[in-house]
Amino acid sequence: MEVPILKQGDYLIATFQAALTDEDLLQLQDALVARVGKFRSRGVIVDVTAMDVMDSFAARTLRALAHMVRLRGAETVIVGIQPEVAFAMVQLGLTLEGVATALDLEEALLLMNRRTKGANIRGR
C-alpha cells in the first residue's frame, strides 16, 4: 500500500492510512528521502495515527528515516502515536530516540516551524 506524501510549503507530510508491511515502510523511507532532495524540503512529518501496532522493524525504520532526512538537511516529526502503541513500545523497549514526536498535526507543524525557523542553510 502506497502512503500518500503531500507537499505543504517547505514540508512533506506522509499519512499512514492503515498498517503497513515491512516493504511498504522501506518504500516510504526511500520516497521521503528522495523527495526531501527533489523539493528541497526543510521538514518531514510522518503521521502514524492509523497504526494500532508498532513492531521493532517499524520503530527502527522510522528512526532510520529521521536520521537519513537529517543527513539530507531536514527535520522529522513523528505524529499521532496512539496511547496503546506508546505503552506497548515502552514495554518492549522500542524507542524513537533522537526523533521528535507530537500529539497531532497542528502541534507537529508548530514544532517544525520552531525547529526550522532561521535554518536558511540552503539560502532560501
N, C-alpha and C. Protein backbone atom coordinates (compact mmCIF):
# COMPACT_ATOMS: atom_id res chain seq x y z
N MET A 1 0.84 -1.17 0.00
CA MET A 1 0.00 0.00 0.00
C MET A 1 0.89 1.24 0.00
N GLU A 2 0.70 2.07 -0.96
CA GLU A 2 1.50 3.29 -1.05
C GLU A 2 0.96 4.36 -0.11
N VAL A 3 1.84 5.02 0.61
CA VAL A 3 1.46 6.07 1.54
C VAL A 3 1.47 7.40 0.79
N PRO A 4 0.37 8.15 0.84
CA PRO A 4 0.37 9.45 0.16
C PRO A 4 1.35 10.41 0.84
N ILE A 5 2.10 11.14 0.02
CA ILE A 5 3.04 12.14 0.52
C ILE A 5 2.61 13.48 -0.04
N LEU A 6 2.20 14.38 0.83
CA LEU A 6 1.75 15.70 0.42
C LEU A 6 2.86 16.72 0.65
N LYS A 7 2.95 17.69 -0.26
CA LYS A 7 3.90 18.79 -0.09
C LYS A 7 3.11 19.99 0.40
N GLN A 8 3.48 20.48 1.57
CA GLN A 8 2.83 21.65 2.16
C GLN A 8 3.90 22.69 2.44
N GLY A 9 4.08 23.62 1.52
CA GLY A 9 5.14 24.61 1.67
C GLY A 9 6.49 23.94 1.66
N ASP A 10 7.28 24.17 2.71
CA ASP A 10 8.63 23.59 2.83
C ASP A 10 8.62 22.20 3.45
N TYR A 11 7.43 21.66 3.72
CA TYR A 11 7.33 20.39 4.43
C TYR A 11 6.69 19.30 3.57
N LEU A 12 7.05 18.07 3.87
CA LEU A 12 6.40 16.90 3.30
C LEU A 12 5.62 16.23 4.43
N ILE A 13 4.40 15.79 4.12
CA ILE A 13 3.57 15.13 5.12
C ILE A 13 3.14 13.78 4.58
N ALA A 14 3.51 12.72 5.30
CA ALA A 14 3.13 11.36 4.93
C ALA A 14 2.18 10.85 6.00
N THR A 15 1.00 10.39 5.57
CA THR A 15 -0.02 9.91 6.50
C THR A 15 -0.32 8.45 6.24
N PHE A 16 -0.09 7.62 7.25
CA PHE A 16 -0.42 6.20 7.13
C PHE A 16 -1.94 6.07 7.14
N GLN A 17 -2.49 5.35 6.17
CA GLN A 17 -3.93 5.11 6.11
C GLN A 17 -4.30 3.82 6.82
N ALA A 18 -3.34 2.92 6.94
CA ALA A 18 -3.56 1.61 7.57
C ALA A 18 -2.20 1.05 7.96
N ALA A 19 -2.23 -0.13 8.56
CA ALA A 19 -0.97 -0.79 8.92
C ALA A 19 -0.18 -1.07 7.64
N LEU A 20 1.14 -0.93 7.73
CA LEU A 20 1.99 -1.12 6.56
C LEU A 20 2.85 -2.36 6.73
N THR A 21 3.16 -2.98 5.61
CA THR A 21 4.09 -4.11 5.63
C THR A 21 5.51 -3.55 5.74
N ASP A 22 6.46 -4.43 6.02
CA ASP A 22 7.86 -4.01 6.09
C ASP A 22 8.30 -3.41 4.76
N GLU A 23 7.87 -4.01 3.66
CA GLU A 23 8.22 -3.49 2.33
C GLU A 23 7.62 -2.10 2.10
N ASP A 24 6.38 -1.89 2.54
CA ASP A 24 5.76 -0.57 2.42
C ASP A 24 6.55 0.48 3.20
N LEU A 25 7.00 0.13 4.39
CA LEU A 25 7.78 1.06 5.21
C LEU A 25 9.10 1.43 4.52
N LEU A 26 9.75 0.45 3.93
CA LEU A 26 11.01 0.72 3.22
C LEU A 26 10.78 1.58 1.99
N GLN A 27 9.69 1.35 1.27
CA GLN A 27 9.37 2.18 0.11
C GLN A 27 9.07 3.61 0.54
N LEU A 28 8.34 3.77 1.64
CA LEU A 28 8.06 5.11 2.16
C LEU A 28 9.36 5.81 2.54
N GLN A 29 10.24 5.11 3.22
CA GLN A 29 11.53 5.67 3.61
C GLN A 29 12.28 6.17 2.38
N ASP A 30 12.39 5.35 1.36
CA ASP A 30 13.10 5.73 0.13
C ASP A 30 12.45 6.93 -0.54
N ALA A 31 11.11 6.91 -0.61
CA ALA A 31 10.39 8.00 -1.27
C ALA A 31 10.57 9.32 -0.54
N LEU A 32 10.49 9.30 0.78
CA LEU A 32 10.64 10.55 1.54
C LEU A 32 12.04 11.10 1.46
N VAL A 33 13.03 10.25 1.58
CA VAL A 33 14.42 10.71 1.50
C VAL A 33 14.69 11.33 0.12
N ALA A 34 14.18 10.71 -0.93
CA ALA A 34 14.37 11.24 -2.28
C ALA A 34 13.64 12.57 -2.47
N ARG A 35 12.42 12.67 -1.96
CA ARG A 35 11.64 13.90 -2.14
C ARG A 35 12.18 15.07 -1.33
N VAL A 36 12.83 14.80 -0.22
CA VAL A 36 13.45 15.89 0.54
C VAL A 36 14.44 16.61 -0.36
N GLY A 37 15.24 15.86 -1.11
CA GLY A 37 16.19 16.48 -2.03
C GLY A 37 15.50 17.11 -3.24
N LYS A 38 14.55 16.41 -3.80
CA LYS A 38 13.85 16.91 -5.00
C LYS A 38 13.15 18.24 -4.74
N PHE A 39 12.46 18.35 -3.59
CA PHE A 39 11.70 19.56 -3.29
C PHE A 39 12.43 20.52 -2.35
N ARG A 40 13.66 20.13 -1.96
CA ARG A 40 14.45 20.94 -1.04
C ARG A 40 13.65 21.24 0.23
N SER A 41 13.00 20.21 0.73
CA SER A 41 12.13 20.33 1.91
C SER A 41 12.95 20.58 3.16
N ARG A 42 12.38 21.36 4.07
CA ARG A 42 13.04 21.63 5.35
C ARG A 42 12.55 20.70 6.44
N GLY A 43 11.45 19.98 6.17
CA GLY A 43 10.92 19.09 7.20
C GLY A 43 10.02 18.02 6.64
N VAL A 44 9.92 16.93 7.41
CA VAL A 44 9.07 15.80 7.08
C VAL A 44 8.23 15.48 8.31
N ILE A 45 6.93 15.37 8.10
CA ILE A 45 6.02 14.98 9.17
C ILE A 45 5.43 13.63 8.77
N VAL A 46 5.57 12.65 9.67
CA VAL A 46 5.03 11.31 9.42
C VAL A 46 3.91 11.07 10.43
N ASP A 47 2.69 10.97 9.92
CA ASP A 47 1.51 10.78 10.75
C ASP A 47 1.20 9.29 10.86
N VAL A 48 1.37 8.74 12.05
CA VAL A 48 1.16 7.31 12.28
C VAL A 48 -0.11 7.05 13.10
N THR A 49 -1.04 7.99 13.09
CA THR A 49 -2.26 7.88 13.87
C THR A 49 -3.01 6.58 13.59
N ALA A 50 -3.00 6.11 12.36
CA ALA A 50 -3.75 4.90 11.99
C ALA A 50 -3.06 3.61 12.44
N MET A 51 -1.82 3.70 12.91
CA MET A 51 -1.11 2.50 13.34
C MET A 51 -1.57 2.09 14.73
N ASP A 52 -2.11 0.88 14.84
CA ASP A 52 -2.52 0.39 16.15
C ASP A 52 -1.47 -0.54 16.75
N VAL A 53 -0.40 -0.83 15.98
CA VAL A 53 0.70 -1.65 16.45
C VAL A 53 1.99 -1.11 15.82
N MET A 54 3.04 -1.01 16.62
CA MET A 54 4.32 -0.64 16.05
C MET A 54 5.35 -1.67 16.52
N ASP A 55 5.80 -2.48 15.58
CA ASP A 55 6.78 -3.50 15.93
C ASP A 55 8.19 -2.93 15.87
N SER A 56 9.15 -3.76 16.20
CA SER A 56 10.54 -3.28 16.27
C SER A 56 11.03 -2.83 14.89
N PHE A 57 10.61 -3.51 13.82
CA PHE A 57 11.05 -3.11 12.48
C PHE A 57 10.51 -1.72 12.14
N ALA A 58 9.24 -1.48 12.43
CA ALA A 58 8.65 -0.16 12.14
C ALA A 58 9.35 0.93 12.93
N ALA A 59 9.62 0.68 14.22
CA ALA A 59 10.30 1.68 15.05
C ALA A 59 11.70 1.96 14.52
N ARG A 60 12.44 0.91 14.17
CA ARG A 60 13.80 1.09 13.62
C ARG A 60 13.74 1.84 12.29
N THR A 61 12.76 1.52 11.46
CA THR A 61 12.65 2.16 10.14
C THR A 61 12.33 3.64 10.29
N LEU A 62 11.41 3.99 11.19
CA LEU A 62 11.08 5.40 11.41
C LEU A 62 12.28 6.17 11.98
N ARG A 63 13.01 5.53 12.89
CA ARG A 63 14.21 6.16 13.46
C ARG A 63 15.26 6.37 12.37
N ALA A 64 15.46 5.36 11.53
CA ALA A 64 16.43 5.47 10.42
C ALA A 64 15.99 6.54 9.43
N LEU A 65 14.70 6.59 9.15
CA LEU A 65 14.17 7.61 8.24
C LEU A 65 14.50 9.01 8.76
N ALA A 66 14.26 9.24 10.04
CA ALA A 66 14.54 10.55 10.63
C ALA A 66 16.02 10.90 10.53
N HIS A 67 16.89 9.93 10.74
CA HIS A 67 18.33 10.20 10.65
C HIS A 67 18.75 10.46 9.20
N MET A 68 18.19 9.72 8.26
CA MET A 68 18.50 9.95 6.84
C MET A 68 18.03 11.33 6.40
N VAL A 69 16.83 11.70 6.81
CA VAL A 69 16.29 13.02 6.46
C VAL A 69 17.16 14.11 7.05
N ARG A 70 17.63 13.92 8.28
CA ARG A 70 18.51 14.90 8.92
C ARG A 70 19.80 15.06 8.12
N LEU A 71 20.34 13.93 7.63
CA LEU A 71 21.55 13.99 6.81
C LEU A 71 21.31 14.72 5.49
N ARG A 72 20.05 14.78 5.06
CA ARG A 72 19.69 15.50 3.84
C ARG A 72 19.37 16.96 4.13
N GLY A 73 19.48 17.38 5.40
CA GLY A 73 19.30 18.79 5.75
C GLY A 73 17.91 19.16 6.22
N ALA A 74 17.09 18.19 6.58
CA ALA A 74 15.72 18.49 7.02
C ALA A 74 15.45 17.87 8.38
N GLU A 75 14.37 18.27 8.99
CA GLU A 75 13.93 17.76 10.29
C GLU A 75 12.78 16.77 10.09
N THR A 76 12.56 15.91 11.07
CA THR A 76 11.45 14.96 11.03
C THR A 76 10.68 15.03 12.34
N VAL A 77 9.35 14.95 12.24
CA VAL A 77 8.49 14.83 13.41
C VAL A 77 7.53 13.68 13.15
N ILE A 78 7.46 12.74 14.11
CA ILE A 78 6.51 11.65 14.06
C ILE A 78 5.30 12.09 14.86
N VAL A 79 4.12 11.97 14.30
CA VAL A 79 2.92 12.48 14.95
C VAL A 79 1.86 11.38 15.08
N GLY A 80 1.11 11.45 16.18
CA GLY A 80 -0.06 10.61 16.32
C GLY A 80 0.15 9.22 16.90
N ILE A 81 1.21 9.02 17.68
CA ILE A 81 1.39 7.70 18.29
C ILE A 81 0.28 7.51 19.32
N GLN A 82 -0.52 6.46 19.13
CA GLN A 82 -1.65 6.18 20.00
C GLN A 82 -1.17 5.76 21.39
N PRO A 83 -1.96 6.04 22.44
CA PRO A 83 -1.53 5.68 23.80
C PRO A 83 -1.19 4.21 23.96
N GLU A 84 -1.99 3.32 23.36
CA GLU A 84 -1.73 1.89 23.49
C GLU A 84 -0.42 1.51 22.81
N VAL A 85 -0.15 2.17 21.69
CA VAL A 85 1.09 1.91 20.95
C VAL A 85 2.28 2.39 21.76
N ALA A 86 2.17 3.58 22.35
CA ALA A 86 3.25 4.11 23.19
C ALA A 86 3.51 3.18 24.37
N PHE A 87 2.45 2.71 25.00
CA PHE A 87 2.59 1.80 26.14
C PHE A 87 3.33 0.52 25.71
N ALA A 88 2.88 -0.07 24.61
CA ALA A 88 3.50 -1.32 24.13
C ALA A 88 4.96 -1.09 23.75
N MET A 89 5.26 0.04 23.12
CA MET A 89 6.63 0.34 22.73
C MET A 89 7.54 0.40 23.97
N VAL A 90 7.07 1.06 25.00
CA VAL A 90 7.86 1.17 26.23
C VAL A 90 8.05 -0.21 26.84
N GLN A 91 7.00 -1.00 26.89
CA GLN A 91 7.08 -2.35 27.47
C GLN A 91 8.07 -3.23 26.70
N LEU A 92 8.14 -3.03 25.37
CA LEU A 92 9.03 -3.83 24.53
C LEU A 92 10.43 -3.23 24.39
N GLY A 93 10.64 -2.04 24.97
CA GLY A 93 11.95 -1.40 24.89
C GLY A 93 12.22 -0.75 23.53
N LEU A 94 11.15 -0.46 22.76
CA LEU A 94 11.32 0.19 21.46
C LEU A 94 11.34 1.70 21.67
N THR A 95 12.32 2.35 21.07
CA THR A 95 12.41 3.80 21.23
C THR A 95 12.53 4.48 19.88
N LEU A 96 12.18 5.74 19.88
CA LEU A 96 12.41 6.61 18.72
C LEU A 96 13.42 7.67 19.17
N GLU A 97 14.45 7.21 19.85
CA GLU A 97 15.47 8.10 20.40
C GLU A 97 16.01 9.05 19.33
N GLY A 98 16.06 10.32 19.68
CA GLY A 98 16.58 11.31 18.75
C GLY A 98 15.59 11.78 17.71
N VAL A 99 14.33 11.31 17.79
CA VAL A 99 13.31 11.68 16.83
C VAL A 99 12.23 12.48 17.55
N ALA A 100 11.89 13.65 17.01
CA ALA A 100 10.85 14.48 17.62
C ALA A 100 9.49 13.85 17.39
N THR A 101 8.61 13.97 18.39
CA THR A 101 7.25 13.48 18.27
C THR A 101 6.28 14.57 18.68
N ALA A 102 5.03 14.45 18.21
CA ALA A 102 3.99 15.40 18.55
C ALA A 102 2.66 14.66 18.64
N LEU A 103 1.72 15.25 19.37
CA LEU A 103 0.41 14.62 19.54
C LEU A 103 -0.43 14.61 18.26
N ASP A 104 -0.41 15.74 17.54
CA ASP A 104 -1.25 15.83 16.35
C ASP A 104 -0.55 16.69 15.30
N LEU A 105 -1.18 16.80 14.15
CA LEU A 105 -0.57 17.52 13.02
C LEU A 105 -0.36 19.00 13.35
N GLU A 106 -1.31 19.60 14.02
CA GLU A 106 -1.18 21.02 14.38
C GLU A 106 0.06 21.25 15.24
N GLU A 107 0.23 20.41 16.27
CA GLU A 107 1.41 20.53 17.13
C GLU A 107 2.69 20.26 16.35
N ALA A 108 2.64 19.28 15.44
CA ALA A 108 3.81 18.95 14.62
C ALA A 108 4.22 20.14 13.75
N LEU A 109 3.25 20.83 13.17
CA LEU A 109 3.57 22.00 12.34
C LEU A 109 4.18 23.12 13.17
N LEU A 110 3.66 23.34 14.37
CA LEU A 110 4.23 24.36 15.26
C LEU A 110 5.66 23.99 15.64
N LEU A 111 5.87 22.74 15.99
CA LEU A 111 7.21 22.27 16.35
C LEU A 111 8.17 22.40 15.16
N MET A 112 7.70 22.01 13.99
CA MET A 112 8.52 22.08 12.79
C MET A 112 8.89 23.53 12.48
N ASN A 113 7.93 24.43 12.62
CA ASN A 113 8.21 25.85 12.37
C ASN A 113 9.27 26.37 13.33
N ARG A 114 9.19 25.97 14.61
CA ARG A 114 10.20 26.41 15.59
C ARG A 114 11.57 25.83 15.26
N ARG A 115 11.61 24.55 14.86
CA ARG A 115 12.89 23.88 14.61
C ARG A 115 13.57 24.38 13.34
N THR A 116 12.79 24.79 12.36
CA THR A 116 13.37 25.19 11.08
C THR A 116 13.45 26.70 10.91
N LYS A 117 12.88 27.45 11.84
CA LYS A 117 12.92 28.91 11.75
C LYS A 117 14.36 29.40 11.74
N GLY A 118 14.68 30.17 10.75
CA GLY A 118 16.03 30.70 10.65
C GLY A 118 17.05 29.71 10.13
N ALA A 119 16.64 28.49 9.85
CA ALA A 119 17.56 27.49 9.32
C ALA A 119 17.65 27.65 7.81
N ASN A 120 18.23 28.73 7.41
CA ASN A 120 18.33 29.05 5.99
C ASN A 120 19.62 28.52 5.40
N ILE A 121 19.89 27.28 5.68
CA ILE A 121 21.15 26.66 5.26
C ILE A 121 21.32 26.73 3.76
N ARG A 122 20.22 26.55 3.04
CA ARG A 122 20.29 26.49 1.57
C ARG A 122 20.07 27.86 0.93
N GLY A 123 20.09 28.90 1.74
CA GLY A 123 19.99 30.24 1.18
C GLY A 123 18.59 30.64 0.72
N ARG A 124 17.58 30.04 1.34
CA ARG A 124 16.21 30.41 0.95
C ARG A 124 15.76 31.60 1.72
